Structure formats: structure tokens, C-alpha cells
Amino acid sequence: MSSAPFFEVDTTYRHYLPSGEPSDEGWFLVEMVGTAPPAFEHHSELLGVAFGWRRGLGPNGIVEGLGSYITPDFAGWRVEALGDPPAQ
């Protein structure tokens, strides 16, 4: 397991673009983090996989729960309390 930063359980993250602006990905509350046994490892998931629940702009433009979410990609996610996105 690498010492690179990765998601932590019971933590809320918000996703940001490389420019530093919040993205439309919204917030991600991490419920579980795991790594695959050696026979199931994949190079894209060596840091692990995070599972949880996402909240953000829905198809109607309103902030709402977006359901379950799974990702091995920590890029762009920063620890941040849940809140409403700035007006667009």
C-alpha cells in the first residue's frame, strides 16, 4: 500500500477542478475504503477503492442526493464539510 493521500472513512470531500474552482461532482461522504487481494489487484486501484454517497447538482439543477458512488481516483477531492455550491 502506498503512502500517497487517499480517502478516509467517515470523511466528506468536495471535488475541485485543476483551476481550483468547485466541479459539478459535488460532495462525497466516504463510508468504506478497501484494497483488492493480490489475485484481484488492478494497476488503477493500487491505492484502494472508496465507496460512499454523493451529493451535488442533480439533472434539475438542484443540490440533492445522487446515490452511491465508487472511485479509485483521489485526484481533485479535498476534505470539506457538506454545503451548497456557489451560485453559477
C-alpha atoms as a PDB file:
ATOM      1  CA  MET A   1       0.000   0.000   0.000  1.00  0.00           C
ATOM      2  CA  SER A   2       1.339   3.416  -0.951  1.00  0.00           C
ATOM      3  CA  SER A   3       1.662   6.322   1.482  1.00  0.00           C
ATOM      4  CA  ALA A   4       0.083   8.669  -1.096  1.00  0.00           C
ATOM      5  CA  PRO A   5      -3.010  10.548   0.111  1.00  0.00           C
ATOM      6  CA  PHE A   6      -6.285   8.701  -0.276  1.00  0.00           C
ATOM      7  CA  PHE A   7      -9.848   8.831   1.030  1.00  0.00           C
ATOM      8  CA  GLU A   8     -10.552   8.249   4.728  1.00  0.00           C
ATOM      9  CA  VAL A   9     -13.696   6.650   6.121  1.00  0.00           C
ATOM     10  CA  ASP A  10     -16.351   8.936   7.703  1.00  0.00           C
ATOM     11  CA  THR A  11     -14.951  11.976   5.895  1.00  0.00           C
ATOM     12  CA  THR A  12     -16.742  14.297   3.472  1.00  0.00           C
ATOM     13  CA  TYR A  13     -14.879  15.508   0.385  1.00  0.00           C
ATOM     14  CA  ARG A  14     -15.688  18.075  -2.278  1.00  0.00           C
ATOM     15  CA  HIS A  15     -14.360  17.805  -5.818  1.00  0.00           C
ATOM     16  CA  TYR A  16     -12.388  20.656  -7.427  1.00  0.00           C
ATOM     17  CA  LEU A  17     -11.185  21.333 -10.946  1.00  0.00           C
ATOM     18  CA  PRO A  18      -7.444  21.855 -11.624  1.00  0.00           C
ATOM     19  CA  SER A  19      -8.212  25.608 -11.734  1.00  0.00           C
ATOM     20  CA  GLY A  20      -9.257  25.453  -8.067  1.00  0.00           C
ATOM     21  CA  GLU A  21     -12.951  26.003  -8.787  1.00  0.00           C
ATOM     22  CA  PRO A  22     -15.514  23.515  -7.410  1.00  0.00           C
ATOM     23  CA  SER A  23     -16.602  20.990 -10.026  1.00  0.00           C
ATOM     24  CA  ASP A  24     -20.085  19.617 -10.668  1.00  0.00           C
ATOM     25  CA  GLU A  25     -19.086  16.355  -8.931  1.00  0.00           C
ATOM     26  CA  GLY A  26     -20.293  17.798  -5.601  1.00  0.00           C
ATOM     27  CA  TRP A  27     -19.614  16.096  -2.276  1.00  0.00           C
ATOM     28  CA  PHE A  28     -18.642  12.518  -1.445  1.00  0.00           C
ATOM     29  CA  LEU A  29     -19.182  11.014   2.021  1.00  0.00           C
ATOM     30  CA  VAL A  30     -16.813   8.027   2.264  1.00  0.00           C
ATOM     31  CA  GLU A  31     -18.336   5.033   4.016  1.00  0.00           C
ATOM     32  CA  MET A  32     -15.741   2.368   3.215  1.00  0.00           C
ATOM     33  CA  VAL A  33     -12.237   2.058   1.728  1.00  0.00           C
ATOM     34  CA  GLY A  34     -10.705  -1.213   0.637  1.00  0.00           C
ATOM     35  CA  THR A  35      -7.942  -2.782  -1.393  1.00  0.00           C
ATOM     36  CA  ALA A  36      -8.133  -5.894  -3.531  1.00  0.00           C
ATOM     37  CA  PRO A  37      -6.412  -9.157  -2.638  1.00  0.00           C
ATOM     38  CA  PRO A  38      -3.303  -9.703  -4.814  1.00  0.00           C
ATOM     39  CA  ALA A  39      -5.035 -12.009  -7.314  1.00  0.00           C
ATOM     40  CA  PHE A  40      -7.651  -9.295  -7.994  1.00  0.00           C
ATOM     41  CA  GLU A  41      -5.432  -6.176  -7.998  1.00  0.00           C
ATOM     42  CA  HIS A  42      -5.578  -3.787 -10.922  1.00  0.00           C
ATOM     43  CA  HIS A  43      -2.944  -1.100 -11.536  1.00  0.00           C
ATOM     44  CA  SER A  44      -5.586   1.663 -11.499  1.00  0.00           C
ATOM     45  CA  GLU A  45      -6.701   0.730  -7.974  1.00  0.00           C
ATOM     46  CA  LEU A  46      -3.440   0.180  -6.092  1.00  0.00           C
ATOM     47  CA  LEU A  47      -4.256   2.908  -3.532  1.00  0.00           C
ATOM     48  CA  GLY A  48      -7.651   1.340  -2.938  1.00  0.00           C
ATOM     49  CA  VAL A  49     -11.270   1.968  -3.811  1.00  0.00           C
ATOM     50  CA  ALA A  50     -13.604   4.252  -1.885  1.00  0.00           C
ATOM     51  CA  PHE A  51     -17.347   3.641  -1.571  1.00  0.00           C
ATOM     52  CA  GLY A  52     -19.878   6.090  -0.235  1.00  0.00           C
ATOM     53  CA  TRP A  53     -22.626   8.523  -1.092  1.00  0.00           C
ATOM     54  CA  ARG A  54     -22.525  11.548  -3.360  1.00  0.00           C
ATOM     55  CA  ARG A  55     -24.494  14.796  -3.183  1.00  0.00           C
ATOM     56  CA  GLY A  56     -24.438  17.519  -5.817  1.00  0.00           C
ATOM     57  CA  LEU A  57     -26.337  19.199  -8.613  1.00  0.00           C
ATOM     58  CA  GLY A  58     -28.981  16.868  -9.980  1.00  0.00           C
ATOM     59  CA  PRO A  59     -30.395  16.955 -13.509  1.00  0.00           C
ATOM     60  CA  ASN A  60     -32.896  19.613 -12.399  1.00  0.00           C
ATOM     61  CA  GLY A  61     -30.108  21.953 -11.203  1.00  0.00           C
ATOM     62  CA  ILE A  62     -30.960  21.474  -7.515  1.00  0.00           C
ATOM     63  CA  VAL A  63     -28.486  20.144  -4.938  1.00  0.00           C
ATOM     64  CA  GLU A  64     -29.672  16.673  -3.954  1.00  0.00           C
ATOM     65  CA  GLY A  65     -28.532  13.185  -3.036  1.00  0.00           C
ATOM     66  CA  LEU A  66     -27.045  11.434  -6.066  1.00  0.00           C
ATOM     67  CA  GLY A  67     -26.856   7.934  -4.618  1.00  0.00           C
ATOM     68  CA  SER A  68     -23.972   5.556  -4.207  1.00  0.00           C
ATOM     69  CA  TYR A  69     -20.535   6.304  -5.619  1.00  0.00           C
ATOM     70  CA  ILE A  70     -17.362   4.257  -6.032  1.00  0.00           C
ATOM     71  CA  THR A  71     -13.972   5.588  -7.137  1.00  0.00           C
ATOM     72  CA  PRO A  72     -10.264   4.701  -7.052  1.00  0.00           C
ATOM     73  CA  ASP A  73      -9.367   8.244  -8.141  1.00  0.00           C
ATOM     74  CA  PHE A  74      -8.470  10.706  -5.354  1.00  0.00           C
ATOM     75  CA  ALA A  75      -7.482  13.494  -7.791  1.00  0.00           C
ATOM     76  CA  GLY A  76      -9.413  16.709  -7.183  1.00  0.00           C
ATOM     77  CA  TRP A  77     -11.108  15.626  -3.944  1.00  0.00           C
ATOM     78  CA  ARG A  78     -10.461  17.732  -0.818  1.00  0.00           C
ATOM     79  CA  VAL A  79     -11.807  17.383   2.715  1.00  0.00           C
ATOM     80  CA  GLU A  80     -14.702  19.828   3.045  1.00  0.00           C
ATOM     81  CA  ALA A  81     -17.932  19.974   5.034  1.00  0.00           C
ATOM     82  CA  LEU A  82     -21.186  19.484   3.164  1.00  0.00           C
ATOM     83  CA  GLY A  83     -22.794  22.654   1.887  1.00  0.00           C
ATOM     84  CA  ASP A  84     -24.455  24.215  -1.111  1.00  0.00           C
ATOM     85  CA  PRO A  85     -22.371  25.012  -4.189  1.00  0.00           C
ATOM     86  CA  PRO A  86     -21.919  28.664  -5.088  1.00  0.00           C
ATOM     87  CA  ALA A  87     -24.474  30.105  -7.496  1.00  0.00           C
ATOM     88  CA  GLN A  88     -23.455  29.540 -11.105  1.00  0.00           C
END
